[in-house]
Amino acid sequence: MVKGLVAEHISVRFGAVAAVDDVTLAVAPGEIVAVLGASGSGKSSLLRAIAGLEPLSGGRVTWDGADVTGVPVHQRGFVVMFQDGQLFPHLSVGGNVGYALNRLDASRRRERVAELLGLVGLDGYAPRPITALSGGEAQRVALARSLAAQPRLLMLDEPLSSLDAGLRERLTGELALALRTTGTPALHVTHDQDEAFAIADRVAVLSAGRLLQVDTPAALWTHPAGREVAEFLGYGPFLAPSEAAALGRPGTPAGTLLALGPDALVPDPDGVRVPVLATAHGRGETFCDVTLPGGRAGTVRLKGIAEPGDHVTVGIDPAGCAVVPQDGGAAAAP
């Protein structure tokens, strides 16, 4: 028997539009799986369908091998945490977290609320009103409340997307720690690649309702299944074997492309001299848009100053590259 969640051949349609198209995805006990995609990719529709909040056009949802497709939302044992947290403004922080703990006596409920608030970094916050919280504090309360219910699966629908970048980065680490400390399996929907890579054991890439690849963060980055996945992750330009050889990287197999990551082009005194088209200056470095052999555009980061019209000598760092098939690739197994 397969343990945990298996969503098999899930399809969701809105009229003629396929929001989710034959997606199969699994979450094992204790595992965190991130669903990563751009706006409109179908990731939230997939989450809602698995939760039972959206009717399926095809497929089924199982938990520990039992079909729960027809089970009402509140009986599935899943908890959904949304972007806005959906806290009760008339209750205190402690009242919100303790909402799912009514089965406990008052003393034990207070103890459990304190434990959960400590887990999310909010020791002593129980008496505070919800209206006095910052955005980051409110999301911590929402997480504590979600964990209080002891869900067999926690489903997070872009819970950090409304926060500023610095706070989002801090809360990503805290969220991952809380989930791993409690052993709570999670399906985490996000459009933020750094967030997905930081929190997840595996990442599923969705595009136009289709599952393109599921893999560990390291394998996804080093071995994207095709050009579409690589482009979404930030690779580009894509060099044909002859173009790669002209930049000092022979051996790219026929029928593939050498995908250059953001740091693939590097200054190299033994490399190829190329013209600088445009520049952007950072602290102690310059980002140079250059024209590569074959006419493709790329970006190299220099220590020091360069200006449009200058020439720089560049090479390729193989650690910043990936090889992808010219005609795309199949999704990895769920």
C-alpha atoms as a PDB file:
ATOM      1  CA  MET A   1       0.000   0.000   0.000  1.00  0.00           C
ATOM      2  CA  VAL A   2       1.264   3.465  -0.923  1.00  0.00           C
ATOM      3  CA  LYS A   3       1.527   5.704   2.137  1.00  0.00           C
ATOM      4  CA  GLY A   4       0.572   9.362   2.099  1.00  0.00           C
ATOM      5  CA  LEU A   5      -1.060  11.328  -0.699  1.00  0.00           C
ATOM      6  CA  VAL A   6      -1.340  10.242  -4.299  1.00  0.00           C
ATOM      7  CA  ALA A   7      -3.172  12.502  -6.731  1.00  0.00           C
ATOM      8  CA  GLU A   8      -3.627  10.434  -9.879  1.00  0.00           C
ATOM      9  CA  HIS A   9      -4.283  11.886 -13.340  1.00  0.00           C
ATOM     10  CA  ILE A  10      -5.908  15.016 -11.911  1.00  0.00           C
ATOM     11  CA  SER A  11      -7.721  17.240 -14.413  1.00  0.00           C
ATOM     12  CA  VAL A  12      -9.660  20.431 -13.717  1.00  0.00           C
ATOM     13  CA  ARG A  13     -11.558  22.259 -16.437  1.00  0.00           C
ATOM     14  CA  PHE A  14     -13.338  25.594 -16.499  1.00  0.00           C
ATOM     15  CA  GLY A  15     -15.438  25.354 -19.619  1.00  0.00           C
ATOM     16  CA  ALA A  16     -13.084  24.794 -22.537  1.00  0.00           C
ATOM     17  CA  VAL A  17     -10.007  25.729 -20.471  1.00  0.00           C
ATOM     18  CA  ALA A  18      -7.922  22.956 -18.898  1.00  0.00           C
ATOM     19  CA  ALA A  19      -6.571  24.528 -15.685  1.00  0.00           C
ATOM     20  CA  VAL A  20      -4.988  21.208 -14.679  1.00  0.00           C
ATOM     21  CA  ASP A  21      -4.235  18.611 -17.334  1.00  0.00           C
ATOM     22  CA  ASP A  22      -3.664  14.979 -16.285  1.00  0.00           C
ATOM     23  CA  VAL A  23      -1.300  15.648 -13.363  1.00  0.00           C
ATOM     24  CA  THR A  24      -0.055  12.844 -11.117  1.00  0.00           C
ATOM     25  CA  LEU A  25       1.728  13.837  -7.920  1.00  0.00           C
ATOM     26  CA  ALA A  26       2.535  12.176  -4.592  1.00  0.00           C
ATOM     27  CA  VAL A  27       3.481  13.385  -1.110  1.00  0.00           C
ATOM     28  CA  ALA A  28       5.045  10.764   1.166  1.00  0.00           C
ATOM     29  CA  PRO A  29       4.719  10.831   4.982  1.00  0.00           C
ATOM     30  CA  GLY A  30       6.844  13.662   6.365  1.00  0.00           C
ATOM     31  CA  GLU A  31       7.710  14.957   2.896  1.00  0.00           C
ATOM     32  CA  ILE A  32       7.441  18.557   1.679  1.00  0.00           C
ATOM     33  CA  VAL A  33       6.600  18.894  -2.013  1.00  0.00           C
ATOM     34  CA  ALA A  34       6.558  22.335  -3.627  1.00  0.00           C
ATOM     35  CA  VAL A  35       4.431  23.008  -6.695  1.00  0.00           C
ATOM     36  CA  LEU A  36       6.234  25.717  -8.635  1.00  0.00           C
ATOM     37  CA  GLY A  37       4.839  27.690 -11.539  1.00  0.00           C
ATOM     38  CA  ALA A  38       4.114  31.116 -12.940  1.00  0.00           C
ATOM     39  CA  SER A  39       0.792  32.882 -12.495  1.00  0.00           C
ATOM     40  CA  GLY A  40      -1.894  30.967 -14.385  1.00  0.00           C
ATOM     41  CA  SER A  41       0.075  27.710 -14.448  1.00  0.00           C
ATOM     42  CA  GLY A  42      -2.685  25.831 -12.581  1.00  0.00           C
ATOM     43  CA  LYS A  43      -0.831  25.293  -9.313  1.00  0.00           C
ATOM     44  CA  SER A  44      -3.553  26.738  -7.045  1.00  0.00           C
ATOM     45  CA  SER A  45      -6.255  24.885  -8.997  1.00  0.00           C
ATOM     46  CA  LEU A  46      -4.320  21.661  -8.419  1.00  0.00           C
ATOM     47  CA  LEU A  47      -4.093  22.333  -4.680  1.00  0.00           C
ATOM     48  CA  ARG A  48      -7.782  23.183  -4.440  1.00  0.00           C
ATOM     49  CA  ALA A  49      -8.712  20.052  -6.392  1.00  0.00           C
ATOM     50  CA  ILE A  50      -6.672  17.824  -4.074  1.00  0.00           C
ATOM     51  CA  ALA A  51      -8.221  19.530  -1.046  1.00  0.00           C
ATOM     52  CA  GLY A  52     -11.709  18.934  -2.430  1.00  0.00           C
ATOM     53  CA  LEU A  53     -12.435  22.629  -2.936  1.00  0.00           C
ATOM     54  CA  GLU A  54     -12.580  22.262  -6.723  1.00  0.00           C
ATOM     55  CA  PRO A  55     -14.485  19.519  -8.586  1.00  0.00           C
ATOM     56  CA  LEU A  56     -12.369  17.131 -10.619  1.00  0.00           C
ATOM     57  CA  SER A  57     -12.886  16.691 -14.338  1.00  0.00           C
ATOM     58  CA  GLY A  58     -10.817  13.540 -14.148  1.00  0.00           C
ATOM     59  CA  GLY A  59      -8.599  11.516 -11.841  1.00  0.00           C
ATOM     60  CA  ARG A  60      -8.755  10.652  -8.159  1.00  0.00           C
ATOM     61  CA  VAL A  61      -7.147  11.470  -4.804  1.00  0.00           C
ATOM     62  CA  THR A  62      -6.030   8.749  -2.384  1.00  0.00           C
ATOM     63  CA  TRP A  63      -4.571   8.760   1.115  1.00  0.00           C
ATOM     64  CA  ASP A  64      -2.718   5.646   2.310  1.00  0.00           C
ATOM     65  CA  GLY A  65      -4.292   3.850  -0.622  1.00  0.00           C
ATOM     66  CA  ALA A  66      -7.902   4.781   0.266  1.00  0.00           C
ATOM     67  CA  ASP A  67      -9.856   6.802  -2.294  1.00  0.00           C
ATOM     68  CA  VAL A  68     -10.928  10.136  -0.752  1.00  0.00           C
ATOM     69  CA  THR A  69     -12.128  11.772  -3.965  1.00  0.00           C
ATOM     70  CA  GLY A  70     -15.744  11.767  -2.816  1.00  0.00           C
ATOM     71  CA  VAL A  71     -14.990  12.546   0.849  1.00  0.00           C
ATOM     72  CA  PRO A  72     -16.186  16.002   2.017  1.00  0.00           C
ATOM     73  CA  VAL A  73     -13.461  18.598   2.492  1.00  0.00           C
ATOM     74  CA  HIS A  74     -13.763  18.735   6.295  1.00  0.00           C
ATOM     75  CA  GLN A  75     -13.442  14.939   6.592  1.00  0.00           C
ATOM     76  CA  ARG A  76     -10.246  14.484   4.571  1.00  0.00           C
ATOM     77  CA  GLY A  77      -7.895  15.460   7.377  1.00  0.00           C
ATOM     78  CA  PHE A  78      -6.224  18.061   5.169  1.00  0.00           C
ATOM     79  CA  VAL A  79      -5.720  21.688   6.223  1.00  0.00           C
ATOM     80  CA  VAL A  80      -5.293  24.529   3.732  1.00  0.00           C
ATOM     81  CA  MET A  81      -3.327  27.647   4.704  1.00  0.00           C
ATOM     82  CA  PHE A  82      -4.063  30.525   2.330  1.00  0.00           C
ATOM     83  CA  GLN A  83      -2.093  33.651   1.474  1.00  0.00           C
ATOM     84  CA  ASP A  84      -4.188  35.876   3.754  1.00  0.00           C
ATOM     85  CA  GLY A  85      -4.068  33.461   6.701  1.00  0.00           C
ATOM     86  CA  GLN A  86      -7.853  33.812   7.269  1.00  0.00           C
ATOM     87  CA  LEU A  87      -7.446  34.492  10.990  1.00  0.00           C
ATOM     88  CA  PHE A  88     -10.433  35.340  13.189  1.00  0.00           C
ATOM     89  CA  PRO A  89     -10.103  39.063  14.021  1.00  0.00           C
ATOM     90  CA  HIS A  90     -12.422  38.832  17.046  1.00  0.00           C
ATOM     91  CA  LEU A  91     -10.191  36.240  18.743  1.00  0.00           C
ATOM     92  CA  SER A  92      -6.785  36.753  20.336  1.00  0.00           C
ATOM     93  CA  VAL A  93      -3.658  35.069  19.004  1.00  0.00           C
ATOM     94  CA  GLY A  94      -4.148  32.289  21.550  1.00  0.00           C
ATOM     95  CA  GLY A  95      -7.825  32.002  20.647  1.00  0.00           C
ATOM     96  CA  ASN A  96      -6.965  31.535  16.994  1.00  0.00           C
ATOM     97  CA  VAL A  97      -4.319  28.893  17.630  1.00  0.00           C
ATOM     98  CA  GLY A  98      -6.510  27.111  20.179  1.00  0.00           C
ATOM     99  CA  TYR A  99      -9.546  27.043  17.887  1.00  0.00           C
ATOM    100  CA  ALA A 100      -8.754  23.489  16.786  1.00  0.00           C
ATOM    101  CA  LEU A 101      -7.943  22.309  20.326  1.00  0.00           C
ATOM    102  CA  ASN A 102     -11.398  22.287  21.914  1.00  0.00           C
ATOM    103  CA  ARG A 103     -11.061  18.581  22.611  1.00  0.00           C
ATOM    104  CA  LEU A 104      -8.418  19.416  25.226  1.00  0.00           C
ATOM    105  CA  ASP A 105      -9.178  20.720  28.717  1.00  0.00           C
ATOM    106  CA  ALA A 106      -8.436  24.403  29.325  1.00  0.00           C
ATOM    107  CA  SER A 107      -5.087  23.839  31.037  1.00  0.00           C
ATOM    108  CA  ARG A 108      -3.715  21.488  28.387  1.00  0.00           C
ATOM    109  CA  ARG A 109      -5.065  23.756  25.623  1.00  0.00           C
ATOM    110  CA  ARG A 110      -3.104  26.722  27.032  1.00  0.00           C
ATOM    111  CA  GLU A 111       0.035  24.578  27.216  1.00  0.00           C
ATOM    112  CA  ARG A 112      -0.368  23.392  23.621  1.00  0.00           C
ATOM    113  CA  VAL A 113      -1.016  26.929  22.354  1.00  0.00           C
ATOM    114  CA  ALA A 114       2.170  28.082  24.088  1.00  0.00           C
ATOM    115  CA  GLU A 115       4.123  25.178  22.558  1.00  0.00           C
ATOM    116  CA  LEU A 116       2.914  25.991  19.057  1.00  0.00           C
ATOM    117  CA  LEU A 117       3.554  29.712  19.405  1.00  0.00           C
ATOM    118  CA  GLY A 118       7.065  28.911  20.616  1.00  0.00           C
ATOM    119  CA  LEU A 119       7.570  26.690  17.586  1.00  0.00           C
ATOM    120  CA  VAL A 120       6.823  29.602  15.226  1.00  0.00           C
ATOM    121  CA  GLY A 121       8.811  32.166  17.217  1.00  0.00           C
ATOM    122  CA  LEU A 122       5.925  33.910  18.968  1.00  0.00           C
ATOM    123  CA  ASP A 123       6.499  33.123  22.640  1.00  0.00           C
ATOM    124  CA  GLY A 124       4.190  35.174  24.853  1.00  0.00           C
ATOM    125  CA  TYR A 125       1.938  36.355  22.018  1.00  0.00           C
ATOM    126  CA  ALA A 126      -1.191  34.457  23.121  1.00  0.00           C
ATOM    127  CA  PRO A 127      -3.017  37.475  24.682  1.00  0.00           C
ATOM    128  CA  ARG A 128      -2.356  39.828  21.771  1.00  0.00           C
ATOM    129  CA  PRO A 129      -5.152  40.907  19.412  1.00  0.00           C
ATOM    130  CA  ILE A 130      -4.871  39.816  15.807  1.00  0.00           C
ATOM    131  CA  THR A 131      -5.231  43.430  14.667  1.00  0.00           C
ATOM    132  CA  ALA A 132      -1.960  44.346  16.433  1.00  0.00           C
ATOM    133  CA  LEU A 133       0.163  41.904  14.404  1.00  0.00           C
ATOM    134  CA  SER A 134       2.474  42.585  11.491  1.00  0.00           C
ATOM    135  CA  GLY A 135       2.028  40.601   8.278  1.00  0.00           C
ATOM    136  CA  GLY A 136       4.810  38.199   9.177  1.00  0.00           C
ATOM    137  CA  GLU A 137       3.465  37.658  12.687  1.00  0.00           C
ATOM    138  CA  ALA A 138      -0.020  36.987  11.321  1.00  0.00           C
ATOM    139  CA  GLN A 139       1.339  34.303   8.997  1.00  0.00           C
ATOM    140  CA  ARG A 140       3.181  32.693  11.894  1.00  0.00           C
ATOM    141  CA  VAL A 141      -0.103  32.575  13.823  1.00  0.00           C
ATOM    142  CA  ALA A 142      -1.846  31.058  10.805  1.00  0.00           C
ATOM    143  CA  LEU A 143       0.857  28.388  10.612  1.00  0.00           C
ATOM    144  CA  ALA A 144       0.575  27.614  14.328  1.00  0.00           C
ATOM    145  CA  ARG A 145      -3.209  27.330  13.997  1.00  0.00           C
ATOM    146  CA  SER A 146      -2.816  25.002  11.004  1.00  0.00           C
ATOM    147  CA  LEU A 147      -0.385  22.768  12.891  1.00  0.00           C
ATOM    148  CA  ALA A 148      -2.684  22.713  15.941  1.00  0.00           C
ATOM    149  CA  ALA A 149      -5.186  20.698  13.932  1.00  0.00           C
ATOM    150  CA  GLN A 150      -2.507  17.996  13.425  1.00  0.00           C
ATOM    151  CA  PRO A 151      -3.401  17.620   9.745  1.00  0.00           C
ATOM    152  CA  ARG A 152      -2.322  14.524   7.937  1.00  0.00           C
ATOM    153  CA  LEU A 153      -1.489  16.901   5.056  1.00  0.00           C
ATOM    154  CA  LEU A 154      -0.887  20.658   5.262  1.00  0.00           C
ATOM    155  CA  MET A 155      -1.580  22.489   1.996  1.00  0.00           C
ATOM    156  CA  LEU A 156      -0.034  25.945   1.656  1.00  0.00           C
ATOM    157  CA  ASP A 157      -1.282  28.245  -1.104  1.00  0.00           C
ATOM    158  CA  GLU A 158       1.414  30.931  -1.544  1.00  0.00           C
ATOM    159  CA  PRO A 159       1.326  31.811   2.177  1.00  0.00           C
ATOM    160  CA  LEU A 160       4.371  34.115   1.995  1.00  0.00           C
ATOM    161  CA  SER A 161       3.785  35.893  -1.321  1.00  0.00           C
ATOM    162  CA  SER A 162       2.395  39.112   0.196  1.00  0.00           C
ATOM    163  CA  LEU A 163       5.466  39.671   2.394  1.00  0.00           C
ATOM    164  CA  ASP A 164       8.570  41.669   1.492  1.00  0.00           C
ATOM    165  CA  ALA A 165      11.598  39.741   0.223  1.00  0.00           C
ATOM    166  CA  GLY A 166      13.656  39.837   3.432  1.00  0.00           C
ATOM    167  CA  LEU A 167      10.792  38.714   5.653  1.00  0.00           C
ATOM    168  CA  ARG A 168       9.737  36.067   3.129  1.00  0.00           C
ATOM    169  CA  GLU A 169      13.248  34.614   3.196  1.00  0.00           C
ATOM    170  CA  ARG A 170      13.279  34.426   7.008  1.00  0.00           C
ATOM    171  CA  LEU A 171       9.824  32.890   7.226  1.00  0.00           C
ATOM    172  CA  THR A 172      10.678  30.314   4.569  1.00  0.00           C
ATOM    173  CA  GLY A 173      13.316  28.884   6.888  1.00  0.00           C
ATOM    174  CA  GLU A 174      10.994  29.021   9.886  1.00  0.00           C
ATOM    175  CA  LEU A 175       8.201  27.328   7.941  1.00  0.00           C
ATOM    176  CA  ALA A 176      10.478  24.508   6.838  1.00  0.00           C
ATOM    177  CA  LEU A 177      11.760  24.034  10.398  1.00  0.00           C
ATOM    178  CA  ALA A 178       8.229  23.916  11.845  1.00  0.00           C
ATOM    179  CA  LEU A 179       7.082  21.334   9.305  1.00  0.00           C
ATOM    180  CA  ARG A 180      10.117  19.134   9.816  1.00  0.00           C
ATOM    181  CA  THR A 181       9.987  19.452  13.615  1.00  0.00           C
ATOM    182  CA  THR A 182       6.380  18.276  13.671  1.00  0.00           C
ATOM    183  CA  GLY A 183       6.833  15.751  10.836  1.00  0.00           C
ATOM    184  CA  THR A 184       3.911  17.310   8.973  1.00  0.00           C
ATOM    185  CA  PRO A 185       3.743  16.393   5.266  1.00  0.00           C
ATOM    186  CA  ALA A 186       3.023  19.413   3.114  1.00  0.00           C
ATOM    187  CA  LEU A 187       2.081  20.459  -0.398  1.00  0.00           C
ATOM    188  CA  HIS A 188       3.431  23.981  -0.850  1.00  0.00           C
ATOM    189  CA  VAL A 189       2.308  26.094  -3.818  1.00  0.00           C
ATOM    190  CA  THR A 190       4.522  29.015  -4.819  1.00  0.00           C
ATOM    191  CA  HIS A 191       5.772  31.034  -7.776  1.00  0.00           C
ATOM    192  CA  ASP A 192       9.050  31.808  -5.965  1.00  0.00           C
ATOM    193  CA  GLN A 193      11.891  29.504  -7.028  1.00  0.00           C
ATOM    194  CA  ASP A 194      14.143  30.346  -4.070  1.00  0.00           C
ATOM    195  CA  GLU A 195      11.282  29.593  -1.683  1.00  0.00           C
ATOM    196  CA  ALA A 196      10.521  26.264  -3.343  1.00  0.00           C
ATOM    197  CA  PHE A 197      14.164  25.198  -3.416  1.00  0.00           C
ATOM    198  CA  ALA A 198      14.720  26.204   0.224  1.00  0.00           C
ATOM    199  CA  ILE A 199      11.719  24.444   1.702  1.00  0.00           C
ATOM    200  CA  ALA A 200      10.982  21.366  -0.405  1.00  0.00           C
ATOM    201  CA  ASP A 201      12.277  17.802  -0.543  1.00  0.00           C
ATOM    202  CA  ARG A 202      10.978  17.670  -4.115  1.00  0.00           C
ATOM    203  CA  VAL A 203       9.792  20.356  -6.524  1.00  0.00           C
ATOM    204  CA  ALA A 204       7.098  19.909  -9.181  1.00  0.00           C
ATOM    205  CA  VAL A 205       7.155  22.386 -12.076  1.00  0.00           C
ATOM    206  CA  LEU A 206       3.778  23.198 -13.626  1.00  0.00           C
ATOM    207  CA  SER A 207       3.107  25.101 -16.847  1.00  0.00           C
ATOM    208  CA  ALA A 208      -0.278  25.664 -18.497  1.00  0.00           C
ATOM    209  CA  GLY A 209      -1.764  22.958 -16.280  1.00  0.00           C
ATOM    210  CA  ARG A 210       0.842  20.364 -17.302  1.00  0.00           C
ATOM    211  CA  LEU A 211       3.390  18.721 -15.033  1.00  0.00           C
ATOM    212  CA  LEU A 212       6.789  19.208 -16.653  1.00  0.00           C
ATOM    213  CA  GLN A 213       9.101  17.678 -14.051  1.00  0.00           C
ATOM    214  CA  VAL A 214       9.249  16.491 -10.446  1.00  0.00           C
ATOM    215  CA  ASP A 215      12.641  16.175  -8.795  1.00  0.00           C
ATOM    216  CA  THR A 216      14.805  17.133  -5.865  1.00  0.00           C
ATOM    217  CA  PRO A 217      15.897  20.789  -5.942  1.00  0.00           C
ATOM    218  CA  ALA A 218      19.489  19.851  -6.795  1.00  0.00           C
ATOM    219  CA  ALA A 219      18.505  17.459  -9.588  1.00  0.00           C
ATOM    220  CA  LEU A 220      15.944  19.892 -10.981  1.00  0.00           C
ATOM    221  CA  TRP A 221      18.568  22.638 -11.267  1.00  0.00           C
ATOM    222  CA  THR A 222      21.357  20.491 -12.684  1.00  0.00           C
ATOM    223  CA  HIS A 223      19.199  18.330 -14.959  1.00  0.00           C
ATOM    224  CA  PRO A 224      16.091  20.226 -16.151  1.00  0.00           C
ATOM    225  CA  ALA A 225      13.962  17.906 -18.262  1.00  0.00           C
ATOM    226  CA  GLY A 226      13.699  20.324 -21.172  1.00  0.00           C
ATOM    227  CA  ARG A 227      14.064  23.853 -22.393  1.00  0.00           C
ATOM    228  CA  GLU A 228      10.739  25.007 -20.929  1.00  0.00           C
ATOM    229  CA  VAL A 229      11.771  23.956 -17.419  1.00  0.00           C
ATOM    230  CA  ALA A 230      15.242  25.440 -17.873  1.00  0.00           C
ATOM    231  CA  GLU A 231      13.856  28.777 -19.067  1.00  0.00           C
ATOM    232  CA  PHE A 232      11.497  28.957 -16.112  1.00  0.00           C
ATOM    233  CA  LEU A 233      14.400  28.312 -13.727  1.00  0.00           C
ATOM    234  CA  GLY A 234      16.382  31.176 -15.258  1.00  0.00           C
ATOM    235  CA  TYR A 235      18.610  29.480 -17.807  1.00  0.00           C
ATOM    236  CA  GLY A 236      19.381  31.207 -21.084  1.00  0.00           C
ATOM    237  CA  PRO A 237      20.702  31.660 -23.675  1.00  0.00           C
ATOM    238  CA  PHE A 238      20.638  28.157 -25.144  1.00  0.00           C
ATOM    239  CA  LEU A 239      23.606  27.314 -27.332  1.00  0.00           C
ATOM    240  CA  ALA A 240      23.764  24.783 -30.146  1.00  0.00           C
ATOM    241  CA  PRO A 241      26.785  22.428 -29.973  1.00  0.00           C
ATOM    242  CA  SER A 242      28.723  24.530 -32.501  1.00  0.00           C
ATOM    243  CA  GLU A 243      28.019  27.745 -30.547  1.00  0.00           C
ATOM    244  CA  ALA A 244      29.123  26.107 -27.310  1.00  0.00           C
ATOM    245  CA  ALA A 245      32.328  24.910 -28.984  1.00  0.00           C
ATOM    246  CA  ALA A 246      33.045  28.470 -30.194  1.00  0.00           C
ATOM    247  CA  LEU A 247      32.983  29.550 -26.536  1.00  0.00           C
ATOM    248  CA  GLY A 248      35.402  26.833 -25.495  1.00  0.00           C
ATOM    249  CA  ARG A 249      32.899  24.134 -24.536  1.00  0.00           C
ATOM    250  CA  PRO A 250      33.164  21.362 -27.138  1.00  0.00           C
ATOM    251  CA  GLY A 251      31.431  18.050 -26.608  1.00  0.00           C
ATOM    252  CA  THR A 252      27.796  19.141 -26.289  1.00  0.00           C
ATOM    253  CA  PRO A 253      25.944  16.125 -27.727  1.00  0.00           C
ATOM    254  CA  ALA A 254      24.088  16.392 -31.018  1.00  0.00           C
ATOM    255  CA  GLY A 255      20.358  16.964 -30.512  1.00  0.00           C
ATOM    256  CA  THR A 256      20.912  18.905 -27.289  1.00  0.00           C
ATOM    257  CA  LEU A 257      21.456  22.513 -26.238  1.00  0.00           C
ATOM    258  CA  LEU A 258      23.867  23.915 -23.682  1.00  0.00           C
ATOM    259  CA  ALA A 259      21.761  26.024 -21.309  1.00  0.00           C
ATOM    260  CA  LEU A 260      23.670  28.843 -19.641  1.00  0.00           C
ATOM    261  CA  GLY A 261      22.642  29.684 -16.091  1.00  0.00           C
ATOM    262  CA  PRO A 262      22.875  33.181 -14.593  1.00  0.00           C
ATOM    263  CA  ASP A 263      26.532  32.654 -13.575  1.00  0.00           C
ATOM    264  CA  ALA A 264      27.677  30.490 -16.497  1.00  0.00           C
ATOM    265  CA  LEU A 265      29.499  33.256 -18.384  1.00  0.00           C
ATOM    266  CA  VAL A 266      32.683  34.281 -16.574  1.00  0.00           C
ATOM    267  CA  PRO A 267      35.683  36.493 -17.325  1.00  0.00           C
ATOM    268  CA  ASP A 268      38.385  34.299 -18.864  1.00  0.00           C
ATOM    269  CA  PRO A 269      41.667  35.702 -20.246  1.00  0.00           C
ATOM    270  CA  ASP A 270      41.955  32.635 -22.472  1.00  0.00           C
ATOM    271  CA  GLY A 271      38.351  32.886 -23.656  1.00  0.00           C
ATOM    272  CA  VAL A 272      36.567  34.638 -26.514  1.00  0.00           C
ATOM    273  CA  ARG A 273      36.592  38.416 -26.973  1.00  0.00           C
ATOM    274  CA  VAL A 274      33.028  39.751 -27.267  1.00  0.00           C
ATOM    275  CA  PRO A 275      31.483  43.244 -27.475  1.00  0.00           C
ATOM    276  CA  VAL A 276      29.610  44.859 -24.589  1.00  0.00           C
ATOM    277  CA  LEU A 277      26.138  46.089 -25.566  1.00  0.00           C
ATOM    278  CA  ALA A 278      24.868  47.485 -22.246  1.00  0.00           C
ATOM    279  CA  THR A 279      25.882  47.586 -18.596  1.00  0.00           C
ATOM    280  CA  ALA A 280      24.358  47.811 -15.144  1.00  0.00           C
ATOM    281  CA  HIS A 281      26.558  48.731 -12.205  1.00  0.00           C
ATOM    282  CA  GLY A 282      26.449  47.076  -8.796  1.00  0.00           C
ATOM    283  CA  ARG A 283      28.636  47.395  -5.716  1.00  0.00           C
ATOM    284  CA  GLY A 284      32.143  46.736  -7.019  1.00  0.00           C
ATOM    285  CA  GLU A 285      30.956  44.890 -10.109  1.00  0.00           C
ATOM    286  CA  THR A 286      29.403  45.443 -13.512  1.00  0.00           C
ATOM    287  CA  PHE A 287      26.784  43.330 -15.250  1.00  0.00           C
ATOM    288  CA  CYS A 288      27.607  43.369 -18.961  1.00  0.00           C
ATOM    289  CA  ASP A 289      25.189  42.356 -21.698  1.00  0.00           C
ATOM    290  CA  VAL A 290      27.362  40.911 -24.447  1.00  0.00           C
ATOM    291  CA  THR A 291      26.956  39.426 -27.919  1.00  0.00           C
ATOM    292  CA  LEU A 292      28.203  35.833 -28.091  1.00  0.00           C
ATOM    293  CA  PRO A 293      29.498  33.998 -31.166  1.00  0.00           C
ATOM    294  CA  GLY A 294      26.473  33.188 -33.304  1.00  0.00           C
ATOM    295  CA  GLY A 295      24.733  36.430 -32.301  1.00  0.00           C
ATOM    296  CA  ARG A 296      23.092  35.309 -29.057  1.00  0.00           C
ATOM    297  CA  ALA A 297      22.960  37.677 -26.092  1.00  0.00           C
ATOM    298  CA  GLY A 298      24.371  36.796 -22.694  1.00  0.00           C
ATOM    299  CA  THR A 299      25.365  38.442 -19.430  1.00  0.00           C
ATOM    300  CA  VAL A 300      28.719  38.332 -17.672  1.00  0.00           C
ATOM    301  CA  ARG A 301      29.545  39.783 -14.261  1.00  0.00           C
ATOM    302  CA  LEU A 302      32.832  41.652 -13.995  1.00  0.00           C
ATOM    303  CA  LYS A 303      34.778  42.987 -11.060  1.00  0.00           C
ATOM    304  CA  GLY A 304      35.392  46.604 -11.984  1.00  0.00           C
ATOM    305  CA  ILE A 305      33.939  48.926 -14.604  1.00  0.00           C
ATOM    306  CA  ALA A 306      33.019  48.376 -18.241  1.00  0.00           C
ATOM    307  CA  GLU A 307      30.964  50.467 -20.629  1.00  0.00           C
ATOM    308  CA  PRO A 308      28.980  49.847 -23.823  1.00  0.00           C
ATOM    309  CA  GLY A 309      31.355  49.624 -26.752  1.00  0.00           C
ATOM    310  CA  ASP A 310      34.108  47.929 -24.724  1.00  0.00           C
ATOM    311  CA  HIS A 311      35.171  44.346 -25.330  1.00  0.00           C
ATOM    312  CA  VAL A 312      35.564  41.653 -22.672  1.00  0.00           C
ATOM    313  CA  THR A 313      37.019  38.155 -22.823  1.00  0.00           C
ATOM    314  CA  VAL A 314      34.664  35.454 -21.570  1.00  0.00           C
ATOM    315  CA  GLY A 315      34.422  31.719 -21.117  1.00  0.00           C
ATOM    316  CA  ILE A 316      31.911  29.242 -19.722  1.00  0.00           C
ATOM    317  CA  ASP A 317      31.904  27.816 -16.201  1.00  0.00           C
ATOM    318  CA  PRO A 318      30.583  24.245 -16.645  1.00  0.00           C
ATOM    319  CA  ALA A 319      29.148  24.311 -13.101  1.00  0.00           C
ATOM    320  CA  GLY A 320      26.678  26.979 -14.238  1.00  0.00           C
ATOM    321  CA  CYS A 321      25.357  25.035 -17.234  1.00  0.00           C
ATOM    322  CA  ALA A 322      22.893  22.288 -18.018  1.00  0.00           C
ATOM    323  CA  VAL A 323      22.390  20.183 -21.120  1.00  0.00           C
ATOM    324  CA  VAL A 324      18.781  19.925 -22.321  1.00  0.00           C
ATOM    325  CA  PRO A 325      17.210  18.128 -25.281  1.00  0.00           C
ATOM    326  CA  GLN A 326      16.330  20.324 -28.236  1.00  0.00           C
ATOM    327  CA  ASP A 327      12.813  18.881 -28.391  1.00  0.00           C
ATOM    328  CA  GLY A 328      11.929  19.117 -24.675  1.00  0.00           C
ATOM    329  CA  GLY A 329      11.694  16.188 -22.264  1.00  0.00           C
ATOM    330  CA  ALA A 330       9.336  14.031 -20.276  1.00  0.00           C
ATOM    331  CA  ALA A 331       8.337  14.740 -16.692  1.00  0.00           C
ATOM    332  CA  ALA A 332      10.088  12.744 -14.002  1.00  0.00           C
ATOM    333  CA  ALA A 333       8.121  10.142 -12.080  1.00  0.00           C
ATOM    334  CA  PRO A 334       5.914  11.523  -9.284  1.00  0.00           C
END
